[in-house]
Amino acid sequence: MHDEEEALYVDRPPVEEEAVRGHRVVVAVDGSAGSTAALRFALEDAARRGVPVEAVIAYRVPEMRGDYTDIGTAEDQRLSDTLRRQSVDKVRAVVDEAARGLAGAVPDVQIRAALGSPADVLVRESHGADLLVVGSRGHGGFHSMLLGSTSIQCATHATCPVTVVHSPETRRHRLRLHRERQDQRADQRGDQRQDATQMAGDGR
């Protein structure tokens, strides 16, 4: 890690969607095990490339107007600013933890919290990037899926290369699903043999 925190973190203001920034590795971070694995991959890859990492988190402002009709634009803005700061703090904590586990040099990390859905934000923020890195499943994903909807959308729509990183938890989940499918096939074969034996006995 860098001695001075400001040299590592650059909390940048929002930019226009059309803006294309320089060489960098963009990584999705939401605090899940999948995104932590993706961040470690992104840090190592960016160090090899000699480019910075842009750690991106998406956030949304809750829809409260139906219950609180007196909330105005100023309050909406304060809430959005609070959520943005909290999101940045969450990413910074994850980056600190991931960087401590790296053996080599740690690249500069730029933290970006953006309003919107994770897939839309990541596709937009990855314009012009060398690589977009996402975890196989983040928070809110269906546990039966090996790839979450965000990673699928990024792989489909991003304009730069995309790497999907499986966390150890995801690998264990994948192995468990594989064993369950094998057990189901074995049970089906056993039932088929039992039916065949019964049919042969009935034939006699």
N, C-alpha and C. Protein backbone atom coordinates (compact mmCIF):
# COMPACT_ATOMS: atom_id res chain seq x y z
N MET A 1 0.84 -1.20 0.00
CA MET A 1 0.00 0.00 0.00
C MET A 1 0.87 1.25 0.00
N HIS A 2 0.32 2.34 -0.48
CA HIS A 2 1.04 3.59 -0.48
C HIS A 2 1.06 4.18 0.92
N ASP A 3 2.10 4.95 1.22
CA ASP A 3 2.22 5.55 2.54
C ASP A 3 1.13 6.59 2.77
N GLU A 4 0.76 7.32 1.75
CA GLU A 4 -0.25 8.35 1.89
C GLU A 4 -1.54 7.90 1.24
N GLU A 5 -2.61 7.95 2.02
CA GLU A 5 -3.89 7.46 1.52
C GLU A 5 -4.35 8.23 0.30
N GLU A 6 -4.08 9.53 0.28
CA GLU A 6 -4.55 10.32 -0.86
C GLU A 6 -3.89 9.90 -2.16
N ALA A 7 -2.70 9.30 -2.08
CA ALA A 7 -2.02 8.84 -3.29
C ALA A 7 -2.67 7.58 -3.83
N LEU A 8 -3.35 6.86 -2.95
CA LEU A 8 -3.99 5.61 -3.36
C LEU A 8 -5.41 5.85 -3.84
N TYR A 9 -6.15 6.65 -3.11
CA TYR A 9 -7.57 6.82 -3.40
C TYR A 9 -7.84 8.17 -4.06
N VAL A 10 -8.60 8.13 -5.11
CA VAL A 10 -9.06 9.35 -5.76
C VAL A 10 -10.56 9.24 -5.89
N ASP A 11 -11.30 9.91 -5.01
CA ASP A 11 -12.76 9.87 -5.05
C ASP A 11 -13.23 10.92 -6.04
N ARG A 12 -13.55 10.47 -7.24
CA ARG A 12 -13.78 11.41 -8.32
C ARG A 12 -15.23 11.82 -8.41
N PRO A 13 -15.50 13.05 -8.88
CA PRO A 13 -16.88 13.48 -9.09
C PRO A 13 -17.48 12.76 -10.28
N PRO A 14 -18.82 12.79 -10.41
CA PRO A 14 -19.46 12.14 -11.57
C PRO A 14 -18.96 12.72 -12.88
N VAL A 15 -18.96 11.88 -13.91
CA VAL A 15 -18.55 12.33 -15.23
C VAL A 15 -19.66 12.03 -16.22
N GLU A 16 -19.61 12.67 -17.36
CA GLU A 16 -20.60 12.43 -18.39
C GLU A 16 -20.45 11.02 -18.95
N GLU A 17 -21.56 10.42 -19.36
CA GLU A 17 -21.54 9.05 -19.87
C GLU A 17 -20.63 8.91 -21.07
N GLU A 18 -20.56 9.98 -21.91
CA GLU A 18 -19.79 9.89 -23.13
C GLU A 18 -18.28 10.00 -22.89
N ALA A 19 -17.90 10.42 -21.69
CA ALA A 19 -16.48 10.64 -21.42
C ALA A 19 -15.73 9.32 -21.45
N VAL A 20 -14.61 9.29 -22.13
CA VAL A 20 -13.78 8.09 -22.19
C VAL A 20 -12.48 8.41 -21.47
N ARG A 21 -12.20 7.68 -20.41
CA ARG A 21 -11.00 7.92 -19.64
C ARG A 21 -9.87 7.03 -20.14
N GLY A 22 -8.71 7.16 -19.53
CA GLY A 22 -7.53 6.48 -20.03
C GLY A 22 -7.47 5.01 -19.66
N HIS A 23 -6.29 4.42 -19.92
CA HIS A 23 -6.07 3.01 -19.64
C HIS A 23 -6.29 2.72 -18.16
N ARG A 24 -7.03 1.66 -17.88
CA ARG A 24 -7.33 1.29 -16.50
C ARG A 24 -8.03 -0.05 -16.49
N VAL A 25 -8.06 -0.67 -15.34
CA VAL A 25 -8.85 -1.88 -15.12
C VAL A 25 -10.02 -1.50 -14.22
N VAL A 26 -11.23 -1.71 -14.70
CA VAL A 26 -12.43 -1.40 -13.95
C VAL A 26 -12.92 -2.67 -13.27
N VAL A 27 -13.28 -2.56 -11.99
CA VAL A 27 -13.74 -3.74 -11.26
C VAL A 27 -14.98 -3.38 -10.45
N ALA A 28 -15.93 -4.29 -10.44
CA ALA A 28 -17.16 -4.12 -9.67
C ALA A 28 -16.91 -4.54 -8.23
N VAL A 29 -17.29 -3.69 -7.28
CA VAL A 29 -17.11 -4.00 -5.86
C VAL A 29 -18.42 -3.73 -5.15
N ASP A 30 -18.96 -4.74 -4.46
CA ASP A 30 -20.17 -4.53 -3.67
C ASP A 30 -20.08 -5.16 -2.28
N GLY A 31 -18.89 -5.65 -1.94
CA GLY A 31 -18.71 -6.26 -0.62
C GLY A 31 -18.97 -7.74 -0.57
N SER A 32 -19.46 -8.33 -1.66
CA SER A 32 -19.71 -9.77 -1.69
C SER A 32 -18.39 -10.53 -1.89
N ALA A 33 -18.43 -11.84 -1.62
CA ALA A 33 -17.23 -12.66 -1.80
C ALA A 33 -16.79 -12.66 -3.26
N GLY A 34 -17.76 -12.67 -4.17
CA GLY A 34 -17.42 -12.66 -5.59
C GLY A 34 -16.71 -11.39 -6.00
N SER A 35 -17.18 -10.25 -5.50
CA SER A 35 -16.54 -8.99 -5.88
C SER A 35 -15.17 -8.84 -5.22
N THR A 36 -14.99 -9.42 -4.04
CA THR A 36 -13.67 -9.38 -3.40
C THR A 36 -12.66 -10.17 -4.21
N ALA A 37 -13.06 -11.33 -4.70
CA ALA A 37 -12.18 -12.11 -5.57
C ALA A 37 -11.89 -11.36 -6.86
N ALA A 38 -12.90 -10.68 -7.41
CA ALA A 38 -12.71 -9.89 -8.62
C ALA A 38 -11.74 -8.74 -8.37
N LEU A 39 -11.83 -8.11 -7.21
CA LEU A 39 -10.94 -7.00 -6.89
C LEU A 39 -9.50 -7.47 -6.79
N ARG A 40 -9.26 -8.60 -6.15
CA ARG A 40 -7.89 -9.13 -6.06
C ARG A 40 -7.33 -9.40 -7.45
N PHE A 41 -8.15 -9.99 -8.32
CA PHE A 41 -7.72 -10.25 -9.70
C PHE A 41 -7.40 -8.93 -10.40
N ALA A 42 -8.27 -7.93 -10.23
CA ALA A 42 -8.08 -6.65 -10.90
C ALA A 42 -6.81 -5.95 -10.43
N LEU A 43 -6.53 -6.00 -9.14
CA LEU A 43 -5.32 -5.37 -8.61
C LEU A 43 -4.06 -6.03 -9.19
N GLU A 44 -4.07 -7.36 -9.23
CA GLU A 44 -2.91 -8.06 -9.77
C GLU A 44 -2.76 -7.81 -11.27
N ASP A 45 -3.86 -7.81 -12.00
CA ASP A 45 -3.80 -7.59 -13.44
C ASP A 45 -3.34 -6.17 -13.75
N ALA A 46 -3.88 -5.19 -13.02
CA ALA A 46 -3.49 -3.80 -13.25
C ALA A 46 -2.02 -3.57 -12.92
N ALA A 47 -1.51 -4.25 -11.90
CA ALA A 47 -0.09 -4.12 -11.56
C ALA A 47 0.77 -4.62 -12.70
N ARG A 48 0.36 -5.73 -13.33
CA ARG A 48 1.12 -6.25 -14.47
C ARG A 48 1.05 -5.31 -15.67
N ARG A 49 -0.10 -4.67 -15.87
CA ARG A 49 -0.27 -3.76 -17.00
C ARG A 49 0.36 -2.40 -16.74
N GLY A 50 0.57 -2.06 -15.46
CA GLY A 50 1.07 -0.74 -15.14
C GLY A 50 0.02 0.34 -15.28
N VAL A 51 -1.24 0.00 -14.96
CA VAL A 51 -2.35 0.96 -15.06
C VAL A 51 -3.09 1.00 -13.73
N PRO A 52 -3.87 2.04 -13.49
CA PRO A 52 -4.64 2.11 -12.24
C PRO A 52 -5.87 1.22 -12.28
N VAL A 53 -6.45 1.03 -11.12
CA VAL A 53 -7.71 0.30 -10.97
C VAL A 53 -8.81 1.30 -10.65
N GLU A 54 -9.94 1.14 -11.30
CA GLU A 54 -11.13 1.91 -10.96
C GLU A 54 -12.12 0.97 -10.30
N ALA A 55 -12.29 1.11 -8.99
CA ALA A 55 -13.21 0.26 -8.23
C ALA A 55 -14.57 0.94 -8.21
N VAL A 56 -15.56 0.28 -8.78
CA VAL A 56 -16.88 0.89 -9.01
C VAL A 56 -17.94 0.20 -8.17
N ILE A 57 -18.76 0.99 -7.53
CA ILE A 57 -19.92 0.47 -6.82
C ILE A 57 -21.14 1.25 -7.26
N ALA A 58 -22.25 0.56 -7.46
CA ALA A 58 -23.51 1.20 -7.85
C ALA A 58 -24.40 1.31 -6.62
N TYR A 59 -25.15 2.38 -6.55
CA TYR A 59 -26.10 2.54 -5.44
C TYR A 59 -27.39 3.15 -5.98
N ARG A 60 -28.44 2.98 -5.21
CA ARG A 60 -29.74 3.53 -5.61
C ARG A 60 -30.35 4.26 -4.44
N VAL A 61 -31.10 5.30 -4.72
CA VAL A 61 -31.82 6.04 -3.69
C VAL A 61 -33.18 5.39 -3.53
N PRO A 62 -33.55 4.98 -2.31
CA PRO A 62 -34.86 4.32 -2.12
C PRO A 62 -36.00 5.22 -2.54
N GLU A 63 -37.03 4.58 -3.09
CA GLU A 63 -38.23 5.33 -3.48
C GLU A 63 -39.09 5.52 -2.23
N MET A 64 -39.13 6.76 -1.72
CA MET A 64 -39.88 7.01 -0.49
C MET A 64 -41.01 8.00 -0.67
N ARG A 65 -41.18 8.51 -1.87
CA ARG A 65 -42.18 9.56 -2.04
C ARG A 65 -43.60 9.06 -1.79
N GLY A 66 -43.82 7.74 -1.97
CA GLY A 66 -45.15 7.23 -1.72
C GLY A 66 -45.55 7.32 -0.27
N ASP A 67 -44.58 7.24 0.64
CA ASP A 67 -44.86 7.28 2.07
C ASP A 67 -44.54 8.64 2.69
N TYR A 68 -43.60 9.36 2.09
CA TYR A 68 -43.16 10.63 2.65
C TYR A 68 -43.27 11.71 1.57
N THR A 69 -44.46 12.25 1.42
CA THR A 69 -44.69 13.19 0.33
C THR A 69 -44.04 14.54 0.58
N ASP A 70 -43.57 14.80 1.83
CA ASP A 70 -42.99 16.09 2.12
C ASP A 70 -41.49 16.14 1.86
N ILE A 71 -40.92 15.03 1.37
CA ILE A 71 -39.49 15.02 1.07
C ILE A 71 -39.26 15.80 -0.22
N GLY A 72 -38.40 16.80 -0.15
CA GLY A 72 -38.16 17.65 -1.29
C GLY A 72 -36.85 17.33 -1.98
N THR A 73 -36.53 18.15 -2.98
CA THR A 73 -35.33 17.94 -3.77
C THR A 73 -34.07 18.04 -2.92
N ALA A 74 -34.02 18.99 -2.01
CA ALA A 74 -32.84 19.16 -1.15
C ALA A 74 -32.62 17.93 -0.29
N GLU A 75 -33.68 17.39 0.27
CA GLU A 75 -33.56 16.18 1.09
C GLU A 75 -33.15 14.99 0.24
N ASP A 76 -33.69 14.90 -0.97
CA ASP A 76 -33.29 13.84 -1.90
C ASP A 76 -31.79 13.90 -2.17
N GLN A 77 -31.29 15.11 -2.38
CA GLN A 77 -29.87 15.27 -2.67
C GLN A 77 -29.01 14.89 -1.48
N ARG A 78 -29.45 15.28 -0.27
CA ARG A 78 -28.70 14.91 0.93
C ARG A 78 -28.67 13.40 1.11
N LEU A 79 -29.80 12.75 0.84
CA LEU A 79 -29.85 11.29 0.95
C LEU A 79 -28.93 10.65 -0.07
N SER A 80 -28.95 11.15 -1.31
CA SER A 80 -28.08 10.61 -2.35
C SER A 80 -26.61 10.79 -1.99
N ASP A 81 -26.26 11.97 -1.45
CA ASP A 81 -24.88 12.22 -1.06
C ASP A 81 -24.45 11.29 0.06
N THR A 82 -25.35 11.05 1.00
CA THR A 82 -25.02 10.14 2.11
C THR A 82 -24.79 8.73 1.62
N LEU A 83 -25.67 8.26 0.74
CA LEU A 83 -25.51 6.91 0.19
C LEU A 83 -24.22 6.79 -0.61
N ARG A 84 -23.89 7.84 -1.33
CA ARG A 84 -22.66 7.83 -2.12
C ARG A 84 -21.44 7.74 -1.20
N ARG A 85 -21.41 8.54 -0.14
CA ARG A 85 -20.27 8.49 0.79
C ARG A 85 -20.17 7.12 1.45
N GLN A 86 -21.31 6.56 1.84
CA GLN A 86 -21.30 5.23 2.46
C GLN A 86 -20.79 4.18 1.49
N SER A 87 -21.17 4.30 0.23
CA SER A 87 -20.71 3.35 -0.78
C SER A 87 -19.20 3.46 -0.99
N VAL A 88 -18.69 4.69 -1.03
CA VAL A 88 -17.26 4.89 -1.18
C VAL A 88 -16.51 4.30 0.00
N ASP A 89 -17.03 4.52 1.21
CA ASP A 89 -16.38 3.98 2.41
C ASP A 89 -16.36 2.45 2.38
N LYS A 90 -17.45 1.85 1.89
CA LYS A 90 -17.50 0.40 1.80
C LYS A 90 -16.42 -0.12 0.85
N VAL A 91 -16.30 0.52 -0.31
CA VAL A 91 -15.29 0.09 -1.28
C VAL A 91 -13.89 0.29 -0.72
N ARG A 92 -13.67 1.42 -0.05
CA ARG A 92 -12.34 1.69 0.49
C ARG A 92 -11.93 0.60 1.49
N ALA A 93 -12.86 0.15 2.32
CA ALA A 93 -12.55 -0.91 3.29
C ALA A 93 -12.21 -2.22 2.59
N VAL A 94 -12.95 -2.54 1.52
CA VAL A 94 -12.68 -3.77 0.78
C VAL A 94 -11.33 -3.69 0.08
N VAL A 95 -11.01 -2.51 -0.48
CA VAL A 95 -9.72 -2.33 -1.15
C VAL A 95 -8.57 -2.48 -0.16
N ASP A 96 -8.72 -1.88 1.01
CA ASP A 96 -7.68 -2.01 2.04
C ASP A 96 -7.41 -3.47 2.36
N GLU A 97 -8.48 -4.23 2.56
CA GLU A 97 -8.34 -5.65 2.91
C GLU A 97 -7.70 -6.44 1.78
N ALA A 98 -8.13 -6.20 0.55
CA ALA A 98 -7.58 -6.94 -0.58
C ALA A 98 -6.13 -6.60 -0.82
N ALA A 99 -5.77 -5.32 -0.66
CA ALA A 99 -4.40 -4.89 -0.92
C ALA A 99 -3.43 -5.49 0.08
N ARG A 100 -3.89 -5.69 1.32
CA ARG A 100 -3.00 -6.27 2.33
C ARG A 100 -2.61 -7.70 1.98
N GLY A 101 -3.43 -8.37 1.19
CA GLY A 101 -3.14 -9.75 0.84
C GLY A 101 -2.30 -9.92 -0.40
N LEU A 102 -1.91 -8.82 -1.05
CA LEU A 102 -1.11 -8.91 -2.27
C LEU A 102 0.37 -8.95 -1.94
N ALA A 103 1.09 -9.79 -2.68
CA ALA A 103 2.53 -9.93 -2.44
C ALA A 103 3.33 -8.82 -3.10
N GLY A 104 2.89 -8.35 -4.25
CA GLY A 104 3.64 -7.35 -5.01
C GLY A 104 3.13 -5.94 -4.79
N ALA A 105 3.52 -5.08 -5.72
CA ALA A 105 3.12 -3.68 -5.65
C ALA A 105 1.62 -3.54 -5.90
N VAL A 106 1.02 -2.55 -5.27
CA VAL A 106 -0.40 -2.28 -5.42
C VAL A 106 -0.59 -1.06 -6.33
N PRO A 107 -1.37 -1.19 -7.38
CA PRO A 107 -1.58 -0.04 -8.27
C PRO A 107 -2.43 1.03 -7.60
N ASP A 108 -2.43 2.22 -8.17
CA ASP A 108 -3.32 3.27 -7.69
C ASP A 108 -4.77 2.81 -7.87
N VAL A 109 -5.61 3.16 -6.92
CA VAL A 109 -7.02 2.77 -6.95
C VAL A 109 -7.88 4.03 -6.94
N GLN A 110 -8.73 4.14 -7.93
CA GLN A 110 -9.69 5.24 -8.01
C GLN A 110 -11.07 4.67 -7.67
N ILE A 111 -11.72 5.25 -6.69
CA ILE A 111 -13.01 4.75 -6.23
C ILE A 111 -14.12 5.56 -6.87
N ARG A 112 -15.11 4.87 -7.39
CA ARG A 112 -16.21 5.54 -8.10
C ARG A 112 -17.52 4.95 -7.62
N ALA A 113 -18.36 5.75 -6.99
CA ALA A 113 -19.72 5.36 -6.62
C ALA A 113 -20.68 6.07 -7.56
N ALA A 114 -21.51 5.30 -8.25
CA ALA A 114 -22.38 5.88 -9.27
C ALA A 114 -23.82 5.44 -9.04
N LEU A 115 -24.74 6.34 -9.30
CA LEU A 115 -26.15 6.08 -9.14
C LEU A 115 -26.67 5.27 -10.32
N GLY A 116 -27.39 4.18 -10.02
CA GLY A 116 -27.97 3.37 -11.09
C GLY A 116 -27.89 1.90 -10.79
N SER A 117 -28.37 1.09 -11.72
CA SER A 117 -28.29 -0.35 -11.55
C SER A 117 -26.85 -0.82 -11.77
N PRO A 118 -26.42 -1.90 -11.10
CA PRO A 118 -25.03 -2.34 -11.24
C PRO A 118 -24.60 -2.57 -12.69
N ALA A 119 -25.41 -3.26 -13.47
CA ALA A 119 -25.02 -3.56 -14.85
C ALA A 119 -24.88 -2.28 -15.68
N ASP A 120 -25.85 -1.37 -15.57
CA ASP A 120 -25.79 -0.12 -16.34
C ASP A 120 -24.57 0.71 -15.95
N VAL A 121 -24.32 0.80 -14.64
CA VAL A 121 -23.19 1.59 -14.17
C VAL A 121 -21.87 1.01 -14.66
N LEU A 122 -21.71 -0.30 -14.56
CA LEU A 122 -20.45 -0.92 -14.95
C LEU A 122 -20.20 -0.81 -16.45
N VAL A 123 -21.23 -1.02 -17.24
CA VAL A 123 -21.06 -0.90 -18.69
C VAL A 123 -20.67 0.53 -19.05
N ARG A 124 -21.31 1.50 -18.41
CA ARG A 124 -21.00 2.91 -18.68
C ARG A 124 -19.59 3.26 -18.22
N GLU A 125 -19.22 2.84 -17.02
CA GLU A 125 -17.93 3.21 -16.46
C GLU A 125 -16.76 2.50 -17.15
N SER A 126 -17.02 1.40 -17.83
CA SER A 126 -15.94 0.64 -18.46
C SER A 126 -15.60 1.12 -19.86
N HIS A 127 -16.29 2.13 -20.36
CA HIS A 127 -15.98 2.65 -21.70
C HIS A 127 -14.51 3.07 -21.77
N GLY A 128 -13.79 2.55 -22.73
CA GLY A 128 -12.40 2.91 -22.91
C GLY A 128 -11.43 2.20 -22.00
N ALA A 129 -11.91 1.29 -21.15
CA ALA A 129 -11.03 0.59 -20.21
C ALA A 129 -10.29 -0.54 -20.90
N ASP A 130 -9.17 -0.96 -20.30
CA ASP A 130 -8.45 -2.13 -20.80
C ASP A 130 -9.20 -3.42 -20.49
N LEU A 131 -9.91 -3.43 -19.34
CA LEU A 131 -10.56 -4.65 -18.88
C LEU A 131 -11.63 -4.29 -17.86
N LEU A 132 -12.74 -5.03 -17.89
CA LEU A 132 -13.77 -4.95 -16.85
C LEU A 132 -13.78 -6.29 -16.12
N VAL A 133 -13.67 -6.25 -14.80
CA VAL A 133 -13.64 -7.46 -13.98
C VAL A 133 -14.86 -7.47 -13.07
N VAL A 134 -15.59 -8.57 -13.09
CA VAL A 134 -16.77 -8.71 -12.24
C VAL A 134 -16.73 -10.08 -11.56
N GLY A 135 -17.38 -10.17 -10.41
CA GLY A 135 -17.54 -11.45 -9.75
C GLY A 135 -18.66 -12.24 -10.40
N SER A 136 -18.63 -13.55 -10.20
CA SER A 136 -19.64 -14.38 -10.84
C SER A 136 -21.02 -14.15 -10.25
N ARG A 137 -21.07 -13.83 -8.98
CA ARG A 137 -22.35 -13.48 -8.33
C ARG A 137 -22.08 -12.44 -7.28
N GLY A 138 -22.94 -11.43 -7.25
CA GLY A 138 -22.83 -10.41 -6.22
C GLY A 138 -23.99 -10.52 -5.25
N HIS A 139 -24.20 -9.47 -4.46
CA HIS A 139 -25.32 -9.46 -3.53
C HIS A 139 -26.63 -9.48 -4.31
N GLY A 140 -27.59 -10.25 -3.82
CA GLY A 140 -28.89 -10.27 -4.42
C GLY A 140 -29.03 -11.25 -5.57
N GLY A 141 -27.98 -12.01 -5.88
CA GLY A 141 -28.06 -12.96 -6.98
C GLY A 141 -28.79 -14.22 -6.56
N PHE A 142 -29.32 -14.94 -7.54
CA PHE A 142 -29.96 -16.21 -7.26
C PHE A 142 -28.88 -17.25 -6.99
N HIS A 143 -28.98 -17.96 -5.85
CA HIS A 143 -27.93 -18.88 -5.46
C HIS A 143 -27.84 -20.09 -6.39
N SER A 144 -28.88 -20.32 -7.18
CA SER A 144 -28.83 -21.46 -8.10
C SER A 144 -28.10 -21.14 -9.39
N MET A 145 -27.71 -19.88 -9.57
CA MET A 145 -27.07 -19.48 -10.82
C MET A 145 -25.57 -19.41 -10.63
N LEU A 146 -24.84 -19.92 -11.61
CA LEU A 146 -23.38 -19.83 -11.57
C LEU A 146 -22.91 -18.44 -11.98
N LEU A 147 -23.69 -17.77 -12.79
CA LEU A 147 -23.39 -16.38 -13.16
C LEU A 147 -24.60 -15.53 -12.82
N GLY A 148 -24.35 -14.41 -12.14
CA GLY A 148 -25.44 -13.52 -11.81
C GLY A 148 -25.86 -12.68 -12.99
N SER A 149 -26.99 -12.00 -12.86
CA SER A 149 -27.52 -11.20 -13.97
C SER A 149 -26.57 -10.05 -14.32
N THR A 150 -25.90 -9.47 -13.31
CA THR A 150 -24.99 -8.36 -13.59
C THR A 150 -23.81 -8.82 -14.43
N SER A 151 -23.19 -9.94 -14.07
CA SER A 151 -22.04 -10.43 -14.84
C SER A 151 -22.45 -10.82 -16.25
N ILE A 152 -23.63 -11.37 -16.41
CA ILE A 152 -24.11 -11.73 -17.75
C ILE A 152 -24.33 -10.47 -18.58
N GLN A 153 -24.96 -9.44 -18.00
CA GLN A 153 -25.20 -8.20 -18.73
C GLN A 153 -23.89 -7.52 -19.11
N CYS A 154 -22.91 -7.54 -18.21
CA CYS A 154 -21.62 -6.92 -18.51
C CYS A 154 -20.91 -7.67 -19.64
N ALA A 155 -20.91 -9.00 -19.56
CA ALA A 155 -20.26 -9.78 -20.60
C ALA A 155 -20.92 -9.58 -21.96
N THR A 156 -22.22 -9.27 -21.94
CA THR A 156 -22.97 -9.11 -23.19
C THR A 156 -22.82 -7.71 -23.78
N HIS A 157 -22.78 -6.69 -22.92
CA HIS A 157 -22.91 -5.32 -23.41
C HIS A 157 -21.67 -4.45 -23.24
N ALA A 158 -20.70 -4.84 -22.46
CA ALA A 158 -19.52 -4.00 -22.25
C ALA A 158 -18.74 -3.85 -23.56
N THR A 159 -18.10 -2.70 -23.74
CA THR A 159 -17.36 -2.42 -24.96
C THR A 159 -15.87 -2.75 -24.82
N CYS A 160 -15.47 -3.31 -23.67
CA CYS A 160 -14.09 -3.74 -23.47
C CYS A 160 -14.09 -5.20 -23.07
N PRO A 161 -12.95 -5.87 -23.07
CA PRO A 161 -12.90 -7.26 -22.60
C PRO A 161 -13.42 -7.39 -21.17
N VAL A 162 -14.08 -8.50 -20.87
CA VAL A 162 -14.67 -8.74 -19.55
C VAL A 162 -14.13 -10.05 -18.98
N THR A 163 -13.70 -10.02 -17.73
CA THR A 163 -13.29 -11.23 -17.03
C THR A 163 -14.25 -11.46 -15.87
N VAL A 164 -14.82 -12.66 -15.79
CA VAL A 164 -15.70 -13.04 -14.68
C VAL A 164 -14.91 -13.93 -13.74
N VAL A 165 -14.78 -13.52 -12.50
CA VAL A 165 -13.95 -14.23 -11.52
C VAL A 165 -14.85 -14.99 -10.56
N HIS A 166 -14.54 -16.27 -10.38
CA HIS A 166 -15.28 -17.09 -9.42
C HIS A 166 -14.59 -17.04 -8.07
N SER A 167 -15.35 -16.75 -7.03
CA SER A 167 -14.81 -16.76 -5.68
C SER A 167 -14.70 -18.21 -5.19
N PRO A 168 -13.94 -18.46 -4.12
CA PRO A 168 -13.90 -19.82 -3.55
C PRO A 168 -15.29 -20.32 -3.19
N GLU A 169 -16.15 -19.41 -2.68
CA GLU A 169 -17.51 -19.82 -2.34
C GLU A 169 -18.27 -20.28 -3.58
N THR A 170 -18.07 -19.57 -4.69
CA THR A 170 -18.75 -19.94 -5.92
C THR A 170 -18.25 -21.28 -6.43
N ARG A 171 -16.94 -21.51 -6.33
CA ARG A 171 -16.40 -22.80 -6.76
C ARG A 171 -16.99 -23.93 -5.93
N ARG A 172 -17.09 -23.72 -4.61
CA ARG A 172 -17.69 -24.76 -3.77
C ARG A 172 -19.15 -24.98 -4.13
N HIS A 173 -19.85 -23.89 -4.43
CA HIS A 173 -21.25 -24.01 -4.84
C HIS A 173 -21.36 -24.77 -6.15
N ARG A 174 -20.45 -24.49 -7.09
CA ARG A 174 -20.47 -25.17 -8.37
C ARG A 174 -20.20 -26.67 -8.20
N LEU A 175 -19.24 -27.01 -7.34
CA LEU A 175 -18.95 -28.42 -7.08
C LEU A 175 -20.13 -29.11 -6.41
N ARG A 176 -20.79 -28.41 -5.50
CA ARG A 176 -21.96 -29.00 -4.84
C ARG A 176 -23.07 -29.27 -5.85
N LEU A 177 -23.31 -28.31 -6.76
CA LEU A 177 -24.31 -28.53 -7.80
C LEU A 177 -23.94 -29.70 -8.69
N HIS A 178 -22.64 -29.82 -9.01
CA HIS A 178 -22.18 -30.93 -9.84
C HIS A 178 -22.43 -32.26 -9.14
N ARG A 179 -22.11 -32.32 -7.84
CA ARG A 179 -22.35 -33.57 -7.10
C ARG A 179 -23.84 -33.89 -7.03
N GLU A 180 -24.66 -32.85 -6.84
CA GLU A 180 -26.11 -33.08 -6.77
C GLU A 180 -26.63 -33.62 -8.10
N ARG A 181 -26.13 -33.08 -9.22
CA ARG A 181 -26.56 -33.59 -10.53
C ARG A 181 -26.11 -35.03 -10.73
N GLN A 182 -24.89 -35.34 -10.30
CA GLN A 182 -24.42 -36.71 -10.41
C GLN A 182 -25.29 -37.66 -9.58
N ASP A 183 -25.63 -37.23 -8.36
CA ASP A 183 -26.48 -38.07 -7.50
C ASP A 183 -27.86 -38.27 -8.13
N GLN A 184 -28.39 -37.20 -8.74
CA GLN A 184 -29.70 -37.32 -9.39
C GLN A 184 -29.64 -38.30 -10.55
N ARG A 185 -28.56 -38.23 -11.35
CA ARG A 185 -28.42 -39.16 -12.47
C ARG A 185 -28.27 -40.59 -11.97
N ALA A 186 -27.51 -40.77 -10.89
CA ALA A 186 -27.34 -42.11 -10.33
C ALA A 186 -28.67 -42.65 -9.83
N ASP A 187 -29.47 -41.80 -9.20
CA ASP A 187 -30.79 -42.24 -8.72
C ASP A 187 -31.69 -42.60 -9.89
N GLN A 188 -31.63 -41.79 -10.97
CA GLN A 188 -32.45 -42.08 -12.14
C GLN A 188 -32.05 -43.40 -12.78
N ARG A 189 -30.71 -43.65 -12.88
CA ARG A 189 -30.26 -44.92 -13.44
C ARG A 189 -30.69 -46.08 -12.58
N GLY A 190 -30.65 -45.90 -11.25
CA GLY A 190 -31.10 -46.94 -10.35
C GLY A 190 -32.58 -47.23 -10.51
N ASP A 191 -33.37 -46.16 -10.67
CA ASP A 191 -34.81 -46.36 -10.88
C ASP A 191 -35.07 -47.06 -12.20
N GLN A 192 -34.31 -46.69 -13.24
CA GLN A 192 -34.50 -47.32 -14.54
C GLN A 192 -34.15 -48.81 -14.48
N ARG A 193 -33.07 -49.14 -13.78
CA ARG A 193 -32.71 -50.56 -13.65
C ARG A 193 -33.76 -51.32 -12.86
N GLN A 194 -34.30 -50.67 -11.82
CA GLN A 194 -35.33 -51.33 -11.02
C GLN A 194 -36.59 -51.56 -11.86
N ASP A 195 -36.95 -50.56 -12.68
CA ASP A 195 -38.13 -50.72 -13.54
C ASP A 195 -37.90 -51.83 -14.57
N ALA A 196 -36.67 -51.88 -15.13
CA ALA A 196 -36.38 -52.90 -16.12
C ALA A 196 -36.44 -54.29 -15.49
N THR A 197 -35.92 -54.41 -14.29
CA THR A 197 -35.96 -55.70 -13.59
C THR A 197 -37.39 -56.12 -13.29
N GLN A 198 -38.20 -55.15 -12.88
CA GLN A 198 -39.59 -55.46 -12.57
C GLN A 198 -40.35 -55.86 -13.81
N MET A 199 -40.08 -55.15 -14.93
CA MET A 199 -40.74 -55.50 -16.18
C MET A 199 -40.33 -56.90 -16.64
N ALA A 200 -39.05 -57.23 -16.47
CA ALA A 200 -38.60 -58.57 -16.85
C ALA A 200 -39.27 -59.62 -16.00
N GLY A 201 -39.44 -59.34 -14.71
CA GLY A 201 -40.11 -60.30 -13.83
C GLY A 201 -41.57 -60.45 -14.20
N ASP A 202 -42.22 -59.37 -14.54
CA ASP A 202 -43.61 -59.45 -14.95
C ASP A 202 -43.77 -60.24 -16.24
N GLY A 203 -42.75 -60.13 -17.10
CA GLY A 203 -42.81 -60.86 -18.37
C GLY A 203 -42.74 -62.36 -18.17
N ARG A 204 -42.02 -62.77 -17.07
CA ARG A 204 -41.94 -64.20 -16.82
C ARG A 204 -43.26 -64.71 -16.24
